[in-house]
Amino acid sequence: MNISSLKTNSISKFHWKCRHTWKKSSKNTLWCLLGCSIGDFGTILYFQINQFEISTFIIMLLAIINGLITSTLLETIILSFQMSLKKAFNTALTMSFLSMIAMEVAMNAVDWIIIGEAKLVWWVVPLMLLAGFLTPLPYNYWRLKKYNIDCH
């Protein structure tokens, strides 16, 4: 068997119809969403309550950074029950950073598009969470299905 047929064979085996993979990637995405939203919403709420004169872009950038930090911390804690703390931290940093960035950008984009600023309004939060969940989900499924790489 040559390399060309191996590539064709592995490509033809990939599909988007595996319920088990969708369930597991959805669970992983929800854990990531929890971690990201803690830092993201916390940052936006802090600036909303304290009414600093800072641009929306800076507040959302800080919210994204803090969301990435809290997600990494939460995932490190979860993984530390399965492996050493050092390995858990390294895994959390490398496993789905692209997914987390996409999640954060989607959540903040919804807030900015609907509200026009970095502000938490009760009826926008579910829309932000939905966008944050759906945006990275196909990537998380693909990564899990193709490479058997997941978050937890």
Protein backbone atom coordinates (compact mmCIF):
# COMPACT_ATOMS: atom_id res chain seq x y z
CA MET A 1 0.00 0.00 0.00
CA ASN A 2 1.47 3.36 -0.94
CA ILE A 3 1.25 6.70 0.89
CA SER A 4 -1.35 8.09 -1.51
CA SER A 5 -3.80 5.28 -0.80
CA LEU A 6 -3.20 5.61 2.96
CA LYS A 7 -4.10 9.32 2.81
CA THR A 8 -7.20 8.61 0.72
CA ASN A 9 -8.20 5.79 3.07
CA SER A 10 -7.85 7.95 6.21
CA ILE A 11 -9.72 10.86 4.60
CA SER A 12 -12.59 8.64 3.51
CA LYS A 13 -12.98 7.28 7.06
CA PHE A 14 -13.63 10.71 8.56
CA HIS A 15 -17.29 11.69 8.87
CA TRP A 16 -19.48 14.12 10.81
CA LYS A 17 -22.10 11.57 11.85
CA CYS A 18 -20.66 10.00 15.02
CA ARG A 19 -23.03 10.69 17.93
CA HIS A 20 -20.46 9.56 20.49
CA THR A 21 -17.90 12.05 19.15
CA TRP A 22 -20.48 14.87 19.04
CA LYS A 23 -21.44 14.10 22.65
CA LYS A 24 -17.85 14.02 23.87
CA SER A 25 -16.80 17.13 21.92
CA SER A 26 -19.91 18.93 23.23
CA LYS A 27 -18.96 18.03 26.80
CA ASN A 28 -15.41 19.26 26.26
CA THR A 29 -16.68 22.46 24.65
CA LEU A 30 -19.02 23.09 27.61
CA TRP A 31 -16.11 22.78 30.07
CA CYS A 32 -14.13 25.23 27.98
CA LEU A 33 -17.14 27.56 27.77
CA LEU A 34 -17.50 27.52 31.54
CA GLY A 35 -13.86 28.46 32.04
CA CYS A 36 -13.86 31.11 29.33
CA SER A 37 -17.10 32.72 30.42
CA ILE A 38 -15.94 33.10 34.04
CA GLY A 39 -13.01 35.31 33.05
CA ASP A 40 -14.79 37.00 30.16
CA PHE A 41 -18.00 37.91 31.97
CA GLY A 42 -16.12 38.78 35.15
CA THR A 43 -13.97 41.28 33.28
CA ILE A 44 -16.87 42.88 31.44
CA LEU A 45 -18.90 43.08 34.66
CA TYR A 46 -15.98 44.64 36.54
CA PHE A 47 -15.63 47.44 33.98
CA GLN A 48 -19.41 47.81 33.75
CA ILE A 49 -19.81 48.24 37.52
CA ASN A 50 -16.82 50.54 37.96
CA GLN A 51 -17.55 52.61 34.84
CA PHE A 52 -13.98 53.18 33.71
CA GLU A 53 -13.44 55.38 30.68
CA ILE A 54 -11.79 52.68 28.58
CA SER A 55 -12.59 51.79 24.98
CA THR A 56 -14.81 48.84 24.22
CA PHE A 57 -11.98 47.25 22.25
CA ILE A 58 -9.62 47.29 25.27
CA ILE A 59 -12.29 45.91 27.61
CA MET A 60 -13.11 43.10 25.18
CA LEU A 61 -9.43 42.35 24.64
CA LEU A 62 -8.94 42.09 28.42
CA ALA A 63 -12.08 39.95 28.65
CA ILE A 64 -10.70 37.57 26.01
CA ILE A 65 -7.32 37.34 27.76
CA ASN A 66 -8.95 36.73 31.16
CA GLY A 67 -11.29 34.16 29.61
CA LEU A 68 -8.30 32.29 28.21
CA ILE A 69 -6.59 32.42 31.61
CA THR A 70 -9.60 31.17 33.59
CA SER A 71 -10.31 28.44 31.05
CA THR A 72 -6.71 27.26 31.21
CA LEU A 73 -6.85 27.27 35.02
CA LEU A 74 -10.14 25.36 35.13
CA GLU A 75 -8.92 22.79 32.64
CA THR A 76 -5.65 22.44 34.57
CA ILE A 77 -7.61 21.72 37.74
CA ILE A 78 -9.82 19.16 35.99
CA LEU A 79 -6.83 17.45 34.35
CA SER A 80 -4.81 17.45 37.59
CA PHE A 81 -7.08 14.67 38.86
CA GLN A 82 -5.87 12.52 35.96
CA MET A 83 -2.18 13.49 35.77
CA SER A 84 0.53 15.52 37.46
CA LEU A 85 -0.08 19.24 37.89
CA LYS A 86 2.77 20.15 35.54
CA LYS A 87 1.50 17.83 32.81
CA ALA A 88 -2.07 19.04 33.38
CA PHE A 89 -0.98 22.67 32.93
CA ASN A 90 1.01 21.88 29.79
CA THR A 91 -1.91 19.92 28.36
CA ALA A 92 -4.35 22.73 29.15
CA LEU A 93 -2.09 25.24 27.39
CA THR A 94 -1.64 23.20 24.23
CA MET A 95 -4.85 21.25 23.79
CA SER A 96 -7.42 23.66 22.47
CA PHE A 97 -6.12 27.21 22.51
CA LEU A 98 -7.44 27.85 19.00
CA SER A 99 -10.85 26.64 20.14
CA MET A 100 -10.77 28.93 23.18
CA ILE A 101 -9.78 31.97 21.11
CA ALA A 102 -12.60 31.29 18.63
CA MET A 103 -15.02 30.89 21.53
CA GLU A 104 -13.94 34.16 23.13
CA VAL A 105 -14.06 36.15 19.90
CA ALA A 106 -17.53 34.80 19.10
CA MET A 107 -18.90 35.68 22.54
CA ASN A 108 -17.52 39.20 22.45
CA ALA A 109 -18.58 39.74 18.85
CA VAL A 110 -22.19 38.93 19.77
CA ASP A 111 -22.03 41.40 22.67
CA TRP A 112 -20.54 44.12 20.48
CA ILE A 113 -22.90 43.52 17.53
CA ILE A 114 -26.08 43.49 19.65
CA ILE A 115 -25.24 45.94 22.46
CA GLY A 116 -22.56 48.01 20.74
CA GLU A 117 -20.24 47.96 23.72
CA ALA A 118 -18.74 45.68 26.35
CA LYS A 119 -21.77 45.34 28.58
CA LEU A 120 -23.58 42.38 30.09
CA VAL A 121 -27.32 42.50 29.62
CA TRP A 122 -29.27 39.52 30.92
CA TRP A 123 -30.95 38.66 27.62
CA VAL A 124 -27.70 38.87 25.61
CA VAL A 125 -25.75 36.48 27.86
CA PRO A 126 -27.52 33.33 26.55
CA LEU A 127 -26.82 34.47 22.97
CA MET A 128 -23.16 35.02 23.84
CA LEU A 129 -22.96 31.57 25.41
CA LEU A 130 -24.67 29.96 22.41
CA ALA A 131 -22.22 31.61 20.01
CA GLY A 132 -19.33 30.65 22.28
CA PHE A 133 -20.47 27.02 22.28
CA LEU A 134 -21.35 26.61 18.59
CA THR A 135 -18.32 28.38 17.12
CA PRO A 136 -15.59 25.94 18.24
CA LEU A 137 -17.77 22.81 18.33
CA PRO A 138 -17.11 21.60 14.75
CA TYR A 139 -13.36 22.12 15.23
CA ASN A 140 -13.46 20.21 18.53
CA TYR A 141 -15.40 17.38 16.85
CA TRP A 142 -12.96 17.26 13.93
CA ARG A 143 -9.94 17.25 16.21
CA LEU A 144 -11.40 14.51 18.41
CA LYS A 145 -12.57 12.38 15.49
CA LYS A 146 -9.51 12.74 13.28
CA TYR A 147 -6.72 12.77 15.87
CA ASN A 148 -8.43 11.47 19.01
CA ILE A 149 -7.28 14.66 20.77
CA ASP A 150 -9.67 16.07 23.33
CA CYS A 151 -9.60 18.33 26.35
CA HIS A 152 -10.50 16.06 29.25
